[in-house]
PDB file of all heavy atoms in Angstrom:
ATOM      1  N   VAL A   1      -7.024  -2.489   3.338  1.00  0.00           N
ATOM      2  CA  VAL A   1      -8.463  -2.415   3.079  1.00  0.00           C
ATOM      3  C   VAL A   1      -8.913  -3.406   2.009  1.00  0.00           C
ATOM      4  O   VAL A   1     -10.067  -3.858   2.029  1.00  0.00           O
ATOM      5  CB  VAL A   1      -8.862  -0.964   2.687  1.00  0.00           C
ATOM      6  CG1 VAL A   1      -8.271  -0.555   1.347  1.00  0.00           C
ATOM      7  CG2 VAL A   1     -10.370  -0.796   2.689  1.00  0.00           C
ATOM      8  N   ARG A   2      -8.062  -3.774   1.080  1.00  0.00           N
ATOM      9  CA  ARG A   2      -8.445  -4.710   0.028  1.00  0.00           C
ATOM     10  C   ARG A   2      -7.859  -6.105   0.241  1.00  0.00           C
ATOM     11  O   ARG A   2      -8.536  -7.117   0.025  1.00  0.00           O
ATOM     12  CB  ARG A   2      -8.017  -4.183  -1.344  1.00  0.00           C
ATOM     13  CG  ARG A   2      -8.547  -5.014  -2.505  1.00  0.00           C
ATOM     14  CD  ARG A   2      -8.154  -4.425  -3.843  1.00  0.00           C
ATOM     15  NE  ARG A   2      -8.731  -3.119  -4.069  1.00  0.00           N
ATOM     16  CZ  ARG A   2      -9.936  -2.909  -4.618  1.00  0.00           C
ATOM     17  NH1 ARG A   2     -10.671  -3.935  -4.976  1.00  0.00           N
ATOM     18  NH2 ARG A   2     -10.376  -1.685  -4.809  1.00  0.00           N
ATOM     19  N   TYR A   3      -6.612  -6.197   0.669  1.00  0.00           N
ATOM     20  CA  TYR A   3      -5.912  -7.480   0.716  1.00  0.00           C
ATOM     21  C   TYR A   3      -5.695  -8.007   2.127  1.00  0.00           C
ATOM     22  O   TYR A   3      -5.066  -9.053   2.312  1.00  0.00           O
ATOM     23  CB  TYR A   3      -4.583  -7.378  -0.023  1.00  0.00           C
ATOM     24  CG  TYR A   3      -4.801  -7.046  -1.494  1.00  0.00           C
ATOM     25  CD1 TYR A   3      -4.523  -5.791  -2.000  1.00  0.00           C
ATOM     26  CD2 TYR A   3      -5.345  -8.002  -2.351  1.00  0.00           C
ATOM     27  CE1 TYR A   3      -4.765  -5.479  -3.326  1.00  0.00           C
ATOM     28  CE2 TYR A   3      -5.596  -7.706  -3.691  1.00  0.00           C
ATOM     29  CZ  TYR A   3      -5.295  -6.441  -4.171  1.00  0.00           C
ATOM     30  OH  TYR A   3      -5.543  -6.143  -5.484  1.00  0.00           O
ATOM     31  N   GLY A   4      -6.212  -7.304   3.119  1.00  0.00           N
ATOM     32  CA  GLY A   4      -6.174  -7.802   4.487  1.00  0.00           C
ATOM     33  C   GLY A   4      -7.331  -8.746   4.751  1.00  0.00           C
ATOM     34  O   GLY A   4      -8.041  -9.188   3.833  1.00  0.00           O
ATOM     35  N   ASN A   5      -7.553  -9.075   6.029  1.00  0.00           N
ATOM     36  CA  ASN A   5      -8.633 -10.002   6.399  1.00  0.00           C
ATOM     37  C   ASN A   5      -9.955  -9.249   6.461  1.00  0.00           C
ATOM     38  O   ASN A   5     -10.516  -9.014   7.536  1.00  0.00           O
ATOM     39  CB  ASN A   5      -8.310 -10.677   7.727  1.00  0.00           C
ATOM     40  CG  ASN A   5      -7.082 -11.549   7.648  1.00  0.00           C
ATOM     41  OD1 ASN A   5      -6.267 -11.548   8.548  1.00  0.00           O
ATOM     42  ND2 ASN A   5      -6.950 -12.302   6.569  1.00  0.00           N
ATOM     43  N   TYR A   6     -10.435  -8.886   5.312  1.00  0.00           N
ATOM     44  CA  TYR A   6     -11.670  -8.097   5.143  1.00  0.00           C
ATOM     45  C   TYR A   6     -12.864  -8.832   5.735  1.00  0.00           C
ATOM     46  O   TYR A   6     -12.963 -10.054   5.608  1.00  0.00           O
ATOM     47  CB  TYR A   6     -11.877  -7.896   3.635  1.00  0.00           C
ATOM     48  CG  TYR A   6     -12.938  -6.910   3.258  1.00  0.00           C
ATOM     49  CD1 TYR A   6     -12.655  -5.565   3.128  1.00  0.00           C
ATOM     50  CD2 TYR A   6     -14.246  -7.344   3.044  1.00  0.00           C
ATOM     51  CE1 TYR A   6     -13.646  -4.655   2.774  1.00  0.00           C
ATOM     52  CE2 TYR A   6     -15.235  -6.448   2.700  1.00  0.00           C
ATOM     53  CZ  TYR A   6     -14.927  -5.109   2.558  1.00  0.00           C
ATOM     54  OH  TYR A   6     -15.906  -4.204   2.222  1.00  0.00           O
ATOM     55  N   PRO A   7     -13.786  -8.136   6.437  1.00  0.00           N
ATOM     56  CA  PRO A   7     -13.891  -6.684   6.644  1.00  0.00           C
ATOM     57  C   PRO A   7     -13.194  -6.182   7.890  1.00  0.00           C
ATOM     58  O   PRO A   7     -13.380  -5.011   8.238  1.00  0.00           O
ATOM     59  CB  PRO A   7     -15.400  -6.500   6.756  1.00  0.00           C
ATOM     60  CG  PRO A   7     -15.852  -7.730   7.506  1.00  0.00           C
ATOM     61  CD  PRO A   7     -14.964  -8.859   6.981  1.00  0.00           C
ATOM     62  N   PHE A   8     -12.394  -7.012   8.533  1.00  0.00           N
ATOM     63  CA  PHE A   8     -11.721  -6.609   9.796  1.00  0.00           C
ATOM     64  C   PHE A   8     -10.416  -5.901   9.441  1.00  0.00           C
ATOM     65  O   PHE A   8      -9.327  -6.377   9.786  1.00  0.00           O
ATOM     66  CB  PHE A   8     -11.497  -7.824  10.674  1.00  0.00           C
ATOM     67  CG  PHE A   8     -12.757  -8.634  10.900  1.00  0.00           C
ATOM     68  CD1 PHE A   8     -13.017  -9.762  10.171  1.00  0.00           C
ATOM     69  CD2 PHE A   8     -13.696  -8.195  11.825  1.00  0.00           C
ATOM     70  CE1 PHE A   8     -14.176 -10.498  10.370  1.00  0.00           C
ATOM     71  CE2 PHE A   8     -14.863  -8.924  12.029  1.00  0.00           C
ATOM     72  CZ  PHE A   8     -15.106 -10.066  11.315  1.00  0.00           C
ATOM     73  N   VAL A   9     -10.537  -4.777   8.768  1.00  0.00           N
ATOM     74  CA  VAL A   9      -9.377  -4.084   8.203  1.00  0.00           C
ATOM     75  C   VAL A   9      -9.469  -2.603   8.523  1.00  0.00           C
ATOM     76  O   VAL A   9     -10.488  -2.105   9.035  1.00  0.00           O
ATOM     77  CB  VAL A   9      -9.308  -4.287   6.678  1.00  0.00           C
ATOM     78  CG1 VAL A   9      -9.032  -5.745   6.345  1.00  0.00           C
ATOM     79  CG2 VAL A   9     -10.609  -3.834   5.991  1.00  0.00           C
ATOM     80  N   THR A  10      -8.421  -1.875   8.191  1.00  0.00           N
ATOM     81  CA  THR A  10      -8.458  -0.416   8.286  1.00  0.00           C
ATOM     82  C   THR A  10      -8.992   0.138   6.954  1.00  0.00           C
ATOM     83  O   THR A  10      -9.420  -0.629   6.088  1.00  0.00           O
ATOM     84  CB  THR A  10      -7.067   0.151   8.644  1.00  0.00           C
ATOM     85  OG1 THR A  10      -7.185   1.530   8.979  1.00  0.00           O
ATOM     86  CG2 THR A  10      -6.073  -0.047   7.498  1.00  0.00           C
ATOM     87  N   SER A  11      -8.958   1.453   6.788  1.00  0.00           N
ATOM     88  CA  SER A  11      -9.611   2.067   5.624  1.00  0.00           C
ATOM     89  C   SER A  11      -8.627   2.530   4.564  1.00  0.00           C
ATOM     90  O   SER A  11      -9.006   3.291   3.660  1.00  0.00           O
ATOM     91  CB  SER A  11     -10.462   3.260   6.078  1.00  0.00           C
ATOM     92  OG  SER A  11     -11.441   2.842   7.019  1.00  0.00           O
ATOM     93  N   SER A  12      -7.381   2.102   4.653  1.00  0.00           N
ATOM     94  CA  SER A  12      -6.387   2.554   3.675  1.00  0.00           C
ATOM     95  C   SER A  12      -5.527   1.371   3.223  1.00  0.00           C
ATOM     96  O   SER A  12      -5.635   0.265   3.765  1.00  0.00           O
ATOM     97  CB  SER A  12      -5.481   3.623   4.301  1.00  0.00           C
ATOM     98  OG  SER A  12      -4.793   3.117   5.436  1.00  0.00           O
ATOM     99  N   HIS A  13      -4.689   1.626   2.220  1.00  0.00           N
ATOM    100  CA  HIS A  13      -3.770   0.592   1.741  1.00  0.00           C
ATOM    101  C   HIS A  13      -2.503   0.650   2.581  1.00  0.00           C
ATOM    102  O   HIS A  13      -1.733   1.595   2.527  1.00  0.00           O
ATOM    103  CB  HIS A  13      -3.441   0.796   0.256  1.00  0.00           C
ATOM    104  CG  HIS A  13      -4.567   0.412  -0.644  1.00  0.00           C
ATOM    105  ND1 HIS A  13      -5.036  -0.891  -0.716  1.00  0.00           N
ATOM    106  CD2 HIS A  13      -5.310   1.121  -1.506  1.00  0.00           C
ATOM    107  CE1 HIS A  13      -6.035  -0.948  -1.591  1.00  0.00           C
ATOM    108  NE2 HIS A  13      -6.219   0.261  -2.077  1.00  0.00           N
ATOM    109  N   THR A  14      -2.285  -0.427   3.339  1.00  0.00           N
ATOM    110  CA  THR A  14      -1.151  -0.491   4.254  1.00  0.00           C
ATOM    111  C   THR A  14       0.056  -1.153   3.627  1.00  0.00           C
ATOM    112  O   THR A  14       1.106  -1.261   4.270  1.00  0.00           O
ATOM    113  CB  THR A  14      -1.548  -1.274   5.509  1.00  0.00           C
ATOM    114  OG1 THR A  14      -1.925  -2.615   5.129  1.00  0.00           O
ATOM    115  CG2 THR A  14      -2.712  -0.614   6.228  1.00  0.00           C
ATOM    116  N   ILE A  15      -0.062  -1.639   2.387  1.00  0.00           N
ATOM    117  CA  ILE A  15       1.010  -2.393   1.756  1.00  0.00           C
ATOM    118  C   ILE A  15       1.890  -1.479   0.901  1.00  0.00           C
ATOM    119  O   ILE A  15       1.522  -0.350   0.596  1.00  0.00           O
ATOM    120  CB  ILE A  15       0.436  -3.549   0.910  1.00  0.00           C
ATOM    121  CG1 ILE A  15      -0.555  -3.027  -0.135  1.00  0.00           C
ATOM    122  CG2 ILE A  15      -0.262  -4.563   1.823  1.00  0.00           C
ATOM    123  CD1 ILE A  15      -1.150  -4.096  -1.023  1.00  0.00           C
ATOM    124  N   ALA A  16       3.034  -2.003   0.486  1.00  0.00           N
ATOM    125  CA  ALA A  16       4.041  -1.173  -0.196  1.00  0.00           C
ATOM    126  C   ALA A  16       3.506  -0.541  -1.484  1.00  0.00           C
ATOM    127  O   ALA A  16       3.822   0.599  -1.802  1.00  0.00           O
ATOM    128  CB  ALA A  16       5.280  -2.020  -0.498  1.00  0.00           C
ATOM    129  N   SER A  17       2.676  -1.269  -2.222  1.00  0.00           N
ATOM    130  CA  SER A  17       2.168  -0.722  -3.484  1.00  0.00           C
ATOM    131  C   SER A  17       1.195   0.434  -3.250  1.00  0.00           C
ATOM    132  O   SER A  17       0.864   1.158  -4.188  1.00  0.00           O
ATOM    133  CB  SER A  17       1.511  -1.806  -4.325  1.00  0.00           C
ATOM    134  OG  SER A  17       0.499  -2.470  -3.579  1.00  0.00           O
ATOM    135  N   GLY A  18       0.736   0.600  -2.019  1.00  0.00           N
ATOM    136  CA  GLY A  18      -0.127   1.723  -1.702  1.00  0.00           C
ATOM    137  C   GLY A  18       0.619   3.044  -1.616  1.00  0.00           C
ATOM    138  O   GLY A  18       0.003   4.118  -1.589  1.00  0.00           O
ATOM    139  N   ILE A  19       1.950   2.978  -1.620  1.00  0.00           N
ATOM    140  CA  ILE A  19       2.743   4.191  -1.527  1.00  0.00           C
ATOM    141  C   ILE A  19       2.578   5.077  -2.753  1.00  0.00           C
ATOM    142  O   ILE A  19       2.524   6.313  -2.636  1.00  0.00           O
ATOM    143  CB  ILE A  19       4.240   3.839  -1.337  1.00  0.00           C
ATOM    144  CG1 ILE A  19       4.443   3.171   0.027  1.00  0.00           C
ATOM    145  CG2 ILE A  19       5.147   5.061  -1.471  1.00  0.00           C
ATOM    146  CD1 ILE A  19       5.838   2.624   0.236  1.00  0.00           C
ATOM    147  N   GLY A  20       2.460   4.472  -3.946  1.00  0.00           N
ATOM    148  CA  GLY A  20       2.328   5.238  -5.182  1.00  0.00           C
ATOM    149  C   GLY A  20       1.160   6.214  -5.151  1.00  0.00           C
ATOM    150  O   GLY A  20       1.335   7.422  -5.247  1.00  0.00           O
ATOM    151  N   PRO A  21      -0.096   5.693  -5.023  1.00  0.00           N
ATOM    152  CA  PRO A  21      -1.234   6.605  -4.992  1.00  0.00           C
ATOM    153  C   PRO A  21      -1.249   7.499  -3.748  1.00  0.00           C
ATOM    154  O   PRO A  21      -1.764   8.629  -3.808  1.00  0.00           O
ATOM    155  CB  PRO A  21      -2.444   5.681  -5.013  1.00  0.00           C
ATOM    156  CG  PRO A  21      -1.931   4.339  -4.605  1.00  0.00           C
ATOM    157  CD  PRO A  21      -0.519   4.277  -5.064  1.00  0.00           C
ATOM    158  N   ALA A  22      -0.687   7.035  -2.642  1.00  0.00           N
ATOM    159  CA  ALA A  22      -0.696   7.823  -1.401  1.00  0.00           C
ATOM    160  C   ALA A  22       0.183   9.062  -1.516  1.00  0.00           C
ATOM    161  O   ALA A  22      -0.126  10.114  -0.931  1.00  0.00           O
ATOM    162  CB  ALA A  22      -0.273   6.978  -0.220  1.00  0.00           C
ATOM    163  N   LEU A  23       1.284   8.955  -2.242  1.00  0.00           N
ATOM    164  CA  LEU A  23       2.235  10.074  -2.379  1.00  0.00           C
ATOM    165  C   LEU A  23       2.192  10.735  -3.732  1.00  0.00           C
ATOM    166  O   LEU A  23       2.865  11.744  -3.952  1.00  0.00           O
ATOM    167  CB  LEU A  23       3.653   9.587  -2.068  1.00  0.00           C
ATOM    168  CG  LEU A  23       3.889   8.975  -0.678  1.00  0.00           C
ATOM    169  CD1 LEU A  23       5.365   8.601  -0.525  1.00  0.00           C
ATOM    170  CD2 LEU A  23       3.451   9.916   0.433  1.00  0.00           C
ATOM    171  N   GLY A  24       1.436  10.158  -4.669  1.00  0.00           N
ATOM    172  CA  GLY A  24       1.365  10.731  -6.015  1.00  0.00           C
ATOM    173  C   GLY A  24       2.645  10.567  -6.799  1.00  0.00           C
ATOM    174  O   GLY A  24       3.067  11.461  -7.525  1.00  0.00           O
ATOM    175  N   ILE A  25       3.259   9.380  -6.671  1.00  0.00           N
ATOM    176  CA  ILE A  25       4.531   9.122  -7.369  1.00  0.00           C
ATOM    177  C   ILE A  25       4.398   7.880  -8.248  1.00  0.00           C
ATOM    178  O   ILE A  25       3.471   7.072  -8.099  1.00  0.00           O
ATOM    179  CB  ILE A  25       5.687   8.902  -6.370  1.00  0.00           C
ATOM    180  CG1 ILE A  25       5.373   7.715  -5.459  1.00  0.00           C
ATOM    181  CG2 ILE A  25       5.938  10.163  -5.547  1.00  0.00           C
ATOM    182  CD1 ILE A  25       6.546   7.266  -4.633  1.00  0.00           C
ATOM    183  N   ALA A  26       5.337   7.744  -9.162  1.00  0.00           N
ATOM    184  CA  ALA A  26       5.346   6.576 -10.069  1.00  0.00           C
ATOM    185  C   ALA A  26       5.727   5.317  -9.295  1.00  0.00           C
ATOM    186  O   ALA A  26       6.580   5.364  -8.387  1.00  0.00           O
ATOM    187  CB  ALA A  26       6.330   6.809 -11.203  1.00  0.00           C
ATOM    188  N   PRO A  27       5.134   4.169  -9.637  1.00  0.00           N
ATOM    189  CA  PRO A  27       5.496   2.918  -8.954  1.00  0.00           C
ATOM    190  C   PRO A  27       6.956   2.539  -9.119  1.00  0.00           C
ATOM    191  O   PRO A  27       7.512   1.826  -8.296  1.00  0.00           O
ATOM    192  CB  PRO A  27       4.563   1.874  -9.583  1.00  0.00           C
ATOM    193  CG  PRO A  27       4.026   2.512 -10.818  1.00  0.00           C
ATOM    194  CD  PRO A  27       4.049   3.979 -10.604  1.00  0.00           C
ATOM    195  N   SER A  28       7.603   3.035 -10.187  1.00  0.00           N
ATOM    196  CA  SER A  28       9.023   2.730 -10.413  1.00  0.00           C
ATOM    197  C   SER A  28       9.924   3.306  -9.331  1.00  0.00           C
ATOM    198  O   SER A  28      11.079   2.912  -9.205  1.00  0.00           O
ATOM    199  CB  SER A  28       9.461   3.245 -11.774  1.00  0.00           C
ATOM    200  OG  SER A  28       9.239   4.650 -11.873  1.00  0.00           O
ATOM    201  N   LEU A  29       9.388   4.248  -8.553  1.00  0.00           N
ATOM    202  CA  LEU A  29      10.177   4.862  -7.479  1.00  0.00           C
ATOM    203  C   LEU A  29      10.126   4.064  -6.173  1.00  0.00           C
ATOM    204  O   LEU A  29      10.781   4.434  -5.209  1.00  0.00           O
ATOM    205  CB  LEU A  29       9.703   6.307  -7.218  1.00  0.00           C
ATOM    206  CG  LEU A  29       9.964   7.334  -8.311  1.00  0.00           C
ATOM    207  CD1 LEU A  29       9.436   8.692  -7.884  1.00  0.00           C
ATOM    208  CD2 LEU A  29      11.464   7.421  -8.617  1.00  0.00           C
ATOM    209  N   ILE A  30       9.360   2.979  -6.176  1.00  0.00           N
ATOM    210  CA  ILE A  30       9.217   2.179  -4.952  1.00  0.00           C
ATOM    211  C   ILE A  30      10.144   0.970  -5.030  1.00  0.00           C
ATOM    212  O   ILE A  30      10.018   0.138  -5.931  1.00  0.00           O
ATOM    213  CB  ILE A  30       7.758   1.718  -4.768  1.00  0.00           C
ATOM    214  CG1 ILE A  30       6.817   2.935  -4.745  1.00  0.00           C
ATOM    215  CG2 ILE A  30       7.605   0.927  -3.469  1.00  0.00           C
ATOM    216  CD1 ILE A  30       5.353   2.567  -4.830  1.00  0.00           C
ATOM    217  N   GLY A  31      11.072   0.888  -4.099  1.00  0.00           N
ATOM    218  CA  GLY A  31      12.044  -0.209  -4.083  1.00  0.00           C
ATOM    219  C   GLY A  31      11.593  -1.363  -3.204  1.00  0.00           C
ATOM    220  O   GLY A  31      10.454  -1.433  -2.745  1.00  0.00           O
ATOM    221  N   GLY A  32      12.516  -2.305  -2.970  1.00  0.00           N
ATOM    222  CA  GLY A  32      12.246  -3.452  -2.112  1.00  0.00           C
ATOM    223  C   GLY A  32      11.941  -3.009  -0.695  1.00  0.00           C
ATOM    224  O   GLY A  32      12.526  -2.043  -0.176  1.00  0.00           O
ATOM    225  N   ALA A  33      11.004  -3.705  -0.059  1.00  0.00           N
ATOM    226  CA  ALA A  33      10.529  -3.307   1.263  1.00  0.00           C
ATOM    227  C   ALA A  33      11.320  -3.983   2.376  1.00  0.00           C
ATOM    228  O   ALA A  33      11.806  -5.097   2.233  1.00  0.00           O
ATOM    229  CB  ALA A  33       9.061  -3.628   1.408  1.00  0.00           C
ATOM    230  N   ILE A  34      11.423  -3.276   3.485  1.00  0.00           N
ATOM    231  CA  ILE A  34      11.888  -3.874   4.737  1.00  0.00           C
ATOM    232  C   ILE A  34      10.643  -4.281   5.520  1.00  0.00           C
ATOM    233  O   ILE A  34       9.800  -3.443   5.843  1.00  0.00           O
ATOM    234  CB  ILE A  34      12.717  -2.864   5.560  1.00  0.00           C
ATOM    235  CG1 ILE A  34      13.981  -2.464   4.789  1.00  0.00           C
ATOM    236  CG2 ILE A  34      13.087  -3.464   6.924  1.00  0.00           C
ATOM    237  CD1 ILE A  34      14.802  -1.384   5.473  1.00  0.00           C
ATOM    238  N   GLY A  35      10.492  -5.560   5.764  1.00  0.00           N
ATOM    239  CA  GLY A  35       9.330  -6.064   6.477  1.00  0.00           C
ATOM    240  C   GLY A  35       9.620  -6.236   7.957  1.00  0.00           C
ATOM    241  O   GLY A  35      10.682  -6.746   8.330  1.00  0.00           O
TER     242      GLY A  35
END
């Protein structure tokens, strides 16, 4: 929603850093992503 090709985007954070607020966890719990 913020870093995609706005405004042709969805309404949520689809990227790895969106996991923190989505699950209510600390960012330190998010490791390297599989793309």
